[in-house]
Amino acid sequence: AHTSLVLSDLAPETTYEVALIPESNVHYFPPQTTKV
């Protein structure tokens, strides 16, 4: 049901690789990735 999430307790001045993997029992969705 969610479309957002806050990540905290991270290190300053650091690039994070983030992957969101939809685990669906109906369709296959490719993982979404981003760098922050």
All heavy atoms as atom14 arrays in JSON, in Angstrom:
{
  "sequence": "AHTSLVLSDLAPETTYEVALIPESNVHYFPPQTTKV",
  "atom14_mask": [
    [1, 1, 1, 1, 1, 0, 0, 0, 0, 0, 0, 0, 0, 0],
    [1, 1, 1, 1, 1, 1, 1, 1, 1, 1, 0, 0, 0, 0],
    [1, 1, 1, 1, 1, 1, 1, 0, 0, 0, 0, 0, 0, 0],
    [1, 1, 1, 1, 1, 1, 0, 0, 0, 0, 0, 0, 0, 0],
    [1, 1, 1, 1, 1, 1, 1, 1, 0, 0, 0, 0, 0, 0],
    [1, 1, 1, 1, 1, 1, 1, 0, 0, 0, 0, 0, 0, 0],
    [1, 1, 1, 1, 1, 1, 1, 1, 0, 0, 0, 0, 0, 0],
    [1, 1, 1, 1, 1, 1, 0, 0, 0, 0, 0, 0, 0, 0],
    [1, 1, 1, 1, 1, 1, 1, 1, 0, 0, 0, 0, 0, 0],
    [1, 1, 1, 1, 1, 1, 1, 1, 0, 0, 0, 0, 0, 0],
    [1, 1, 1, 1, 1, 0, 0, 0, 0, 0, 0, 0, 0, 0],
    [1, 1, 1, 1, 1, 1, 1, 0, 0, 0, 0, 0, 0, 0],
    [1, 1, 1, 1, 1, 1, 1, 1, 1, 0, 0, 0, 0, 0],
    [1, 1, 1, 1, 1, 1, 1, 0, 0, 0, 0, 0, 0, 0],
    [1, 1, 1, 1, 1, 1, 1, 0, 0, 0, 0, 0, 0, 0],
    [1, 1, 1, 1, 1, 1, 1, 1, 1, 1, 1, 1, 0, 0],
    [1, 1, 1, 1, 1, 1, 1, 1, 1, 0, 0, 0, 0, 0],
    [1, 1, 1, 1, 1, 1, 1, 0, 0, 0, 0, 0, 0, 0],
    [1, 1, 1, 1, 1, 0, 0, 0, 0, 0, 0, 0, 0, 0],
    [1, 1, 1, 1, 1, 1, 1, 1, 0, 0, 0, 0, 0, 0],
    [1, 1, 1, 1, 1, 1, 1, 1, 0, 0, 0, 0, 0, 0],
    [1, 1, 1, 1, 1, 1, 1, 0, 0, 0, 0, 0, 0, 0],
    [1, 1, 1, 1, 1, 1, 1, 1, 1, 0, 0, 0, 0, 0],
    [1, 1, 1, 1, 1, 1, 0, 0, 0, 0, 0, 0, 0, 0],
    [1, 1, 1, 1, 1, 1, 1, 1, 0, 0, 0, 0, 0, 0],
    [1, 1, 1, 1, 1, 1, 1, 0, 0, 0, 0, 0, 0, 0],
    [1, 1, 1, 1, 1, 1, 1, 1, 1, 1, 0, 0, 0, 0],
    [1, 1, 1, 1, 1, 1, 1, 1, 1, 1, 1, 1, 0, 0],
    [1, 1, 1, 1, 1, 1, 1, 1, 1, 1, 1, 0, 0, 0],
    [1, 1, 1, 1, 1, 1, 1, 0, 0, 0, 0, 0, 0, 0],
    [1, 1, 1, 1, 1, 1, 1, 0, 0, 0, 0, 0, 0, 0],
    [1, 1, 1, 1, 1, 1, 1, 1, 1, 0, 0, 0, 0, 0],
    [1, 1, 1, 1, 1, 1, 1, 0, 0, 0, 0, 0, 0, 0],
    [1, 1, 1, 1, 1, 1, 1, 0, 0, 0, 0, 0, 0, 0],
    [1, 1, 1, 1, 1, 1, 1, 1, 1, 0, 0, 0, 0, 0],
    [1, 1, 1, 1, 1, 1, 1, 0, 0, 0, 0, 0, 0, 0]
  ],
  "atom14_positions": [
    [[0.82, -1.22, 0.0], [0.0, 0.0, 0.0], [0.85, 1.27, 0.0], [0.36, 2.35, -0.27], [-0.91, -0.01, 1.22], [0.0, 0.0, 0.0], [0.0, 0.0, 0.0], [0.0, 0.0, 0.0], [0.0, 0.0, 0.0], [0.0, 0.0, 0.0], [0.0, 0.0, 0.0], [0.0, 0.0, 0.0], [0.0, 0.0, 0.0], [0.0, 0.0, 0.0]],
    [[2.14, 1.15, 0.32], [2.99, 2.33, 0.46], [3.56, 2.81, -0.88], [3.8, 2.0, -1.77], [4.18, 2.03, 1.38], [3.8, 1.97, 2.83], [3.81, 3.06, 3.66], [3.41, 0.93, 3.61], [3.44, 2.69, 4.87], [3.18, 1.41, 4.87], [0.0, 0.0, 0.0], [0.0, 0.0, 0.0], [0.0, 0.0, 0.0], [0.0, 0.0, 0.0]],
    [[3.77, 4.12, -0.99], [4.49, 4.67, -2.15], [5.62, 5.59, -1.7], [6.2, 6.32, -2.5], [3.55, 5.46, -3.07], [2.91, 6.49, -2.3], [2.48, 4.57, -3.71], [0.0, 0.0, 0.0], [0.0, 0.0, 0.0], [0.0, 0.0, 0.0], [0.0, 0.0, 0.0], [0.0, 0.0, 0.0], [0.0, 0.0, 0.0], [0.0, 0.0, 0.0]],
    [[5.93, 5.56, -0.41], [7.08, 6.34, 0.06], [7.59, 5.76, 1.38], [6.88, 5.02, 2.07], [6.72, 7.82, 0.25], [6.04, 8.01, 1.47], [0.0, 0.0, 0.0], [0.0, 0.0, 0.0], [0.0, 0.0, 0.0], [0.0, 0.0, 0.0], [0.0, 0.0, 0.0], [0.0, 0.0, 0.0], [0.0, 0.0, 0.0], [0.0, 0.0, 0.0]],
    [[8.84, 6.08, 1.68], [9.47, 5.59, 2.9], [10.63, 6.52, 3.24], [11.36, 6.95, 2.34], [10.0, 4.17, 2.68], [10.67, 3.51, 3.89], [9.63, 3.15, 4.94], [11.42, 2.26, 3.46], [0.0, 0.0, 0.0], [0.0, 0.0, 0.0], [0.0, 0.0, 0.0], [0.0, 0.0, 0.0], [0.0, 0.0, 0.0], [0.0, 0.0, 0.0]],
    [[10.8, 6.82, 4.53], [11.93, 7.64, 4.96], [13.05, 6.72, 5.46], [12.81, 5.87, 6.32], [11.52, 8.62, 6.07], [12.73, 9.37, 6.61], [10.48, 9.61, 5.55], [0.0, 0.0, 0.0], [0.0, 0.0, 0.0], [0.0, 0.0, 0.0], [0.0, 0.0, 0.0], [0.0, 0.0, 0.0], [0.0, 0.0, 0.0], [0.0, 0.0, 0.0]],
    [[14.24, 6.88, 4.91], [15.42, 6.16, 5.41], [16.2, 7.13, 6.28], [16.43, 8.28, 5.9], [16.3, 5.68, 4.25], [15.67, 4.65, 3.32], [16.69, 4.21, 2.28], [15.16, 3.45, 4.09], [0.0, 0.0, 0.0], [0.0, 0.0, 0.0], [0.0, 0.0, 0.0], [0.0, 0.0, 0.0], [0.0, 0.0, 0.0], [0.0, 0.0, 0.0]],
    [[16.63, 6.66, 7.48], [17.38, 7.54, 8.38], [18.59, 6.8, 8.92], [18.84, 5.65, 8.55], [16.47, 8.03, 9.51], [15.87, 6.93, 10.15], [0.0, 0.0, 0.0], [0.0, 0.0, 0.0], [0.0, 0.0, 0.0], [0.0, 0.0, 0.0], [0.0, 0.0, 0.0], [0.0, 0.0, 0.0], [0.0, 0.0, 0.0], [0.0, 0.0, 0.0]],
    [[19.33, 7.46, 9.81], [20.56, 6.89, 10.4], [21.59, 6.53, 9.33], [22.27, 5.51, 9.43], [20.26, 5.63, 11.23], [19.35, 5.96, 12.41], [19.5, 7.07, 12.96], [18.49, 5.14, 12.75], [0.0, 0.0, 0.0], [0.0, 0.0, 0.0], [0.0, 0.0, 0.0], [0.0, 0.0, 0.0], [0.0, 0.0, 0.0], [0.0, 0.0, 0.0]],
    [[21.68, 7.35, 8.29], [22.65, 7.1, 7.23], [23.89, 7.94, 7.46], [23.89, 8.88, 8.25], [22.03, 7.44, 5.87], [20.72, 6.7, 5.54], [20.24, 7.1, 4.16], [20.89, 5.2, 5.63], [0.0, 0.0, 0.0], [0.0, 0.0, 0.0], [0.0, 0.0, 0.0], [0.0, 0.0, 0.0], [0.0, 0.0, 0.0], [0.0, 0.0, 0.0]],
    [[24.97, 7.6, 6.77], [26.23, 8.33, 6.91], [26.2, 9.59, 6.04], [25.66, 9.56, 4.94], [27.4, 7.44, 6.5], [0.0, 0.0, 0.0], [0.0, 0.0, 0.0], [0.0, 0.0, 0.0], [0.0, 0.0, 0.0], [0.0, 0.0, 0.0], [0.0, 0.0, 0.0], [0.0, 0.0, 0.0], [0.0, 0.0, 0.0], [0.0, 0.0, 0.0]],
    [[26.79, 10.7, 6.53], [26.82, 11.92, 5.71], [27.78, 11.78, 4.53], [28.7, 10.97, 4.55], [27.31, 13.0, 6.68], [28.01, 12.26, 7.76], [27.4, 10.89, 7.85], [0.0, 0.0, 0.0], [0.0, 0.0, 0.0], [0.0, 0.0, 0.0], [0.0, 0.0, 0.0], [0.0, 0.0, 0.0], [0.0, 0.0, 0.0], [0.0, 0.0, 0.0]],
    [[27.52, 12.57, 3.49], [28.38, 12.63, 2.3], [28.68, 11.24, 1.74], [29.83, 10.89, 1.46], [29.7, 13.35, 2.62], [29.58, 14.84, 2.49], [30.93, 15.54, 2.59], [31.51, 15.58, 3.69], [31.39, 16.07, 1.57], [0.0, 0.0, 0.0], [0.0, 0.0, 0.0], [0.0, 0.0, 0.0], [0.0, 0.0, 0.0], [0.0, 0.0, 0.0]],
    [[27.64, 10.42, 1.63], [27.8, 9.04, 1.16], [26.77, 8.78, 0.06], [25.62, 9.2, 0.18], [27.57, 8.05, 2.33], [28.5, 8.37, 3.37], [27.77, 6.61, 1.91], [0.0, 0.0, 0.0], [0.0, 0.0, 0.0], [0.0, 0.0, 0.0], [0.0, 0.0, 0.0], [0.0, 0.0, 0.0], [0.0, 0.0, 0.0], [0.0, 0.0, 0.0]],
    [[27.21, 8.11, -1.0], [26.29, 7.74, -2.07], [25.72, 6.35, -1.76], [26.48, 5.4, -1.54], [27.0, 7.72, -3.42], [27.49, 9.04, -3.69], [26.06, 7.3, -4.55], [0.0, 0.0, 0.0], [0.0, 0.0, 0.0], [0.0, 0.0, 0.0], [0.0, 0.0, 0.0], [0.0, 0.0, 0.0], [0.0, 0.0, 0.0], [0.0, 0.0, 0.0]],
    [[24.4, 6.27, -1.71], [23.71, 5.0, -1.46], [23.1, 4.49, -2.75], [22.52, 5.26, -3.52], [22.61, 5.19, -0.41], [23.16, 5.28, 0.99], [23.63, 6.48, 1.5], [23.25, 4.14, 1.79], [24.18, 6.55, 2.78], [23.79, 4.21, 3.07], [24.25, 5.41, 3.56], [24.78, 5.48, 4.82], [0.0, 0.0, 0.0], [0.0, 0.0, 0.0]],
    [[23.24, 3.19, -2.97], [22.52, 2.53, -4.05], [21.26, 1.92, -3.44], [21.33, 1.18, -2.45], [23.39, 1.45, -4.7], [24.53, 2.06, -5.48], [25.4, 1.03, -6.19], [25.16, -0.18, -6.02], [26.31, 1.46, -6.91], [0.0, 0.0, 0.0], [0.0, 0.0, 0.0], [0.0, 0.0, 0.0], [0.0, 0.0, 0.0], [0.0, 0.0, 0.0]],
    [[20.12, 2.22, -4.04], [18.84, 1.79, -3.51], [18.13, 0.97, -4.56], [18.07, 1.36, -5.73], [17.97, 3.01, -3.13], [16.65, 2.57, -2.51], [18.72, 3.95, -2.19], [0.0, 0.0, 0.0], [0.0, 0.0, 0.0], [0.0, 0.0, 0.0], [0.0, 0.0, 0.0], [0.0, 0.0, 0.0], [0.0, 0.0, 0.0], [0.0, 0.0, 0.0]],
    [[17.6, -0.18, -4.16], [16.79, -1.0, -5.07], [15.45, -1.3, -4.41], [15.4, -1.71, -3.25], [17.52, -2.31, -5.39], [0.0, 0.0, 0.0], [0.0, 0.0, 0.0], [0.0, 0.0, 0.0], [0.0, 0.0, 0.0], [0.0, 0.0, 0.0], [0.0, 0.0, 0.0], [0.0, 0.0, 0.0], [0.0, 0.0, 0.0], [0.0, 0.0, 0.0]],
    [[14.38, -1.06, -5.16], [13.03, -1.37, -4.71], [12.54, -2.53, -5.56], [12.42, -2.4, -6.78], [12.13, -0.15, -4.88], [10.69, -0.32, -4.37], [10.65, -0.25, -2.85], [9.79, 0.74, -4.98], [0.0, 0.0, 0.0], [0.0, 0.0, 0.0], [0.0, 0.0, 0.0], [0.0, 0.0, 0.0], [0.0, 0.0, 0.0], [0.0, 0.0, 0.0]],
    [[12.28, -3.67, -4.93], [11.88, -4.87, -5.66], [10.41, -5.15, -5.37], [10.06, -5.52, -4.24], [12.77, -6.07, -5.25], [14.23, -5.72, -5.49], [12.37, -7.33, -6.01], [15.19, -6.39, -4.53], [0.0, 0.0, 0.0], [0.0, 0.0, 0.0], [0.0, 0.0, 0.0], [0.0, 0.0, 0.0], [0.0, 0.0, 0.0], [0.0, 0.0, 0.0]],
    [[9.52, -4.95, -6.37], [8.11, -5.26, -6.14], [7.92, -6.78, -6.12], [8.28, -7.46, -7.07], [7.4, -4.63, -7.35], [8.4, -3.69, -7.96], [9.74, -4.3, -7.68], [0.0, 0.0, 0.0], [0.0, 0.0, 0.0], [0.0, 0.0, 0.0], [0.0, 0.0, 0.0], [0.0, 0.0, 0.0], [0.0, 0.0, 0.0], [0.0, 0.0, 0.0]],
    [[7.39, -7.3, -5.01], [7.17, -8.74, -4.87], [5.66, -8.96, -5.09], [4.88, -8.91, -4.15], [7.57, -9.22, -3.47], [8.96, -8.76, -3.02], [10.07, -9.67, -3.53], [9.78, -10.59, -4.32], [11.23, -9.46, -3.12], [0.0, 0.0, 0.0], [0.0, 0.0, 0.0], [0.0, 0.0, 0.0], [0.0, 0.0, 0.0], [0.0, 0.0, 0.0]],
    [[5.29, -9.16, -6.37], [3.87, -9.24, -6.7], [3.47, -10.68, -6.95], [4.21, -11.44, -7.55], [3.59, -8.41, -7.95], [2.29, -8.66, -8.43], [0.0, 0.0, 0.0], [0.0, 0.0, 0.0], [0.0, 0.0, 0.0], [0.0, 0.0, 0.0], [0.0, 0.0, 0.0], [0.0, 0.0, 0.0], [0.0, 0.0, 0.0], [0.0, 0.0, 0.0]],
    [[2.26, -11.02, -6.51], [1.76, -12.36, -6.84], [0.9, -12.34, -8.09], [0.26, -13.32, -8.42], [0.98, -12.95, -5.65], [-0.09, -11.98, -5.15], [-0.5, -11.08, -5.87], [-0.55, -12.18, -3.92], [0.0, 0.0, 0.0], [0.0, 0.0, 0.0], [0.0, 0.0, 0.0], [0.0, 0.0, 0.0], [0.0, 0.0, 0.0], [0.0, 0.0, 0.0]],
    [[0.87, -11.18, -8.77], [0.05, -11.04, -9.98], [0.9, -10.8, -11.22], [0.79, -11.5, -12.22], [-0.97, -9.89, -9.82], [-1.89, -9.8, -11.03], [-1.78, -10.07, -8.54], [0.0, 0.0, 0.0], [0.0, 0.0, 0.0], [0.0, 0.0, 0.0], [0.0, 0.0, 0.0], [0.0, 0.0, 0.0], [0.0, 0.0, 0.0], [0.0, 0.0, 0.0]],
    [[1.76, -9.78, -11.17], [2.59, -9.4, -12.32], [4.05, -9.44, -11.92], [4.38, -9.31, -10.75], [2.28, -7.97, -12.8], [0.87, -7.77, -13.22], [0.37, -8.26, -14.41], [-0.16, -7.13, -12.61], [-0.9, -7.92, -14.51], [-1.24, -7.23, -13.43], [0.0, 0.0, 0.0], [0.0, 0.0, 0.0], [0.0, 0.0, 0.0], [0.0, 0.0, 0.0]],
    [[4.91, -9.53, -12.95], [6.33, -9.31, -12.69], [6.64, -7.84, -12.92], [6.3, -7.29, -13.98], [7.21, -10.17, -13.62], [8.67, -9.74, -13.55], [9.44, -10.08, -12.43], [9.24, -8.96, -14.55], [10.75, -9.66, -12.33], [10.56, -8.53, -14.45], [11.31, -8.89, -13.35], [12.6, -8.46, -13.23], [0.0, 0.0, 0.0], [0.0, 0.0, 0.0]],
    [[7.25, -7.19, -11.94], [7.72, -5.82, -12.11], [9.24, -5.84, -11.95], [9.74, -6.43, -10.99], [7.15, -4.89, -11.05], [5.67, -4.68, -11.15], [4.81, -5.34, -10.29], [5.14, -3.82, -12.09], [3.43, -5.14, -10.36], [3.77, -3.63, -12.18], [2.91, -4.29, -11.31], [0.0, 0.0, 0.0], [0.0, 0.0, 0.0], [0.0, 0.0, 0.0]],
    [[9.98, -5.21, -12.88], [11.44, -5.16, -12.68], [11.78, -4.31, -11.46], [11.04, -3.39, -11.11], [11.95, -4.51, -13.97], [10.79, -3.77, -14.54], [9.55, -4.49, -14.1], [0.0, 0.0, 0.0], [0.0, 0.0, 0.0], [0.0, 0.0, 0.0], [0.0, 0.0, 0.0], [0.0, 0.0, 0.0], [0.0, 0.0, 0.0], [0.0, 0.0, 0.0]],
    [[12.91, -4.62, -10.81], [13.34, -3.78, -9.68], [13.59, -2.34, -10.15], [14.04, -2.12, -11.26], [14.65, -4.43, -9.23], [14.63, -5.81, -9.8], [13.82, -5.74, -11.05], [0.0, 0.0, 0.0], [0.0, 0.0, 0.0], [0.0, 0.0, 0.0], [0.0, 0.0, 0.0], [0.0, 0.0, 0.0], [0.0, 0.0, 0.0], [0.0, 0.0, 0.0]],
    [[13.27, -1.41, -9.28], [13.54, 0.01, -9.55], [14.8, 0.37, -8.75], [14.9, 0.02, -7.57], [12.39, 0.86, -9.04], [11.04, 0.45, -9.57], [10.48, 1.48, -10.52], [10.71, 2.67, -10.4], [9.75, 0.99, -11.51], [0.0, 0.0, 0.0], [0.0, 0.0, 0.0], [0.0, 0.0, 0.0], [0.0, 0.0, 0.0], [0.0, 0.0, 0.0]],
    [[15.73, 1.06, -9.38], [16.96, 1.42, -8.67], [17.24, 2.91, -8.79], [16.81, 3.56, -9.75], [18.18, 0.65, -9.22], [18.32, 0.97, -10.6], [18.02, -0.85, -9.05], [0.0, 0.0, 0.0], [0.0, 0.0, 0.0], [0.0, 0.0, 0.0], [0.0, 0.0, 0.0], [0.0, 0.0, 0.0], [0.0, 0.0, 0.0], [0.0, 0.0, 0.0]],
    [[17.94, 3.43, -7.82], [18.37, 4.82, -7.87], [19.61, 4.97, -7.01], [19.93, 4.1, -6.2], [17.25, 5.78, -7.4], [17.65, 7.12, -7.65], [16.96, 5.63, -5.91], [0.0, 0.0, 0.0], [0.0, 0.0, 0.0], [0.0, 0.0, 0.0], [0.0, 0.0, 0.0], [0.0, 0.0, 0.0], [0.0, 0.0, 0.0], [0.0, 0.0, 0.0]],
    [[20.32, 6.08, -7.21], [21.47, 6.4, -6.35], [21.18, 7.74, -5.68], [20.7, 8.67, -6.33], [22.75, 6.55, -7.18], [23.38, 5.24, -7.56], [24.72, 5.46, -8.24], [25.33, 4.12, -8.64], [26.61, 4.3, -9.31], [0.0, 0.0, 0.0], [0.0, 0.0, 0.0], [0.0, 0.0, 0.0], [0.0, 0.0, 0.0], [0.0, 0.0, 0.0]],
    [[21.46, 7.81, -4.4], [21.21, 9.03, -3.63], [22.46, 9.35, -2.81], [23.0, 8.47, -2.15], [20.02, 8.86, -2.67], [19.67, 10.19, -2.01], [18.81, 8.27, -3.39], [0.0, 0.0, 0.0], [0.0, 0.0, 0.0], [0.0, 0.0, 0.0], [0.0, 0.0, 0.0], [0.0, 0.0, 0.0], [0.0, 0.0, 0.0], [0.0, 0.0, 0.0]]
  ]
}
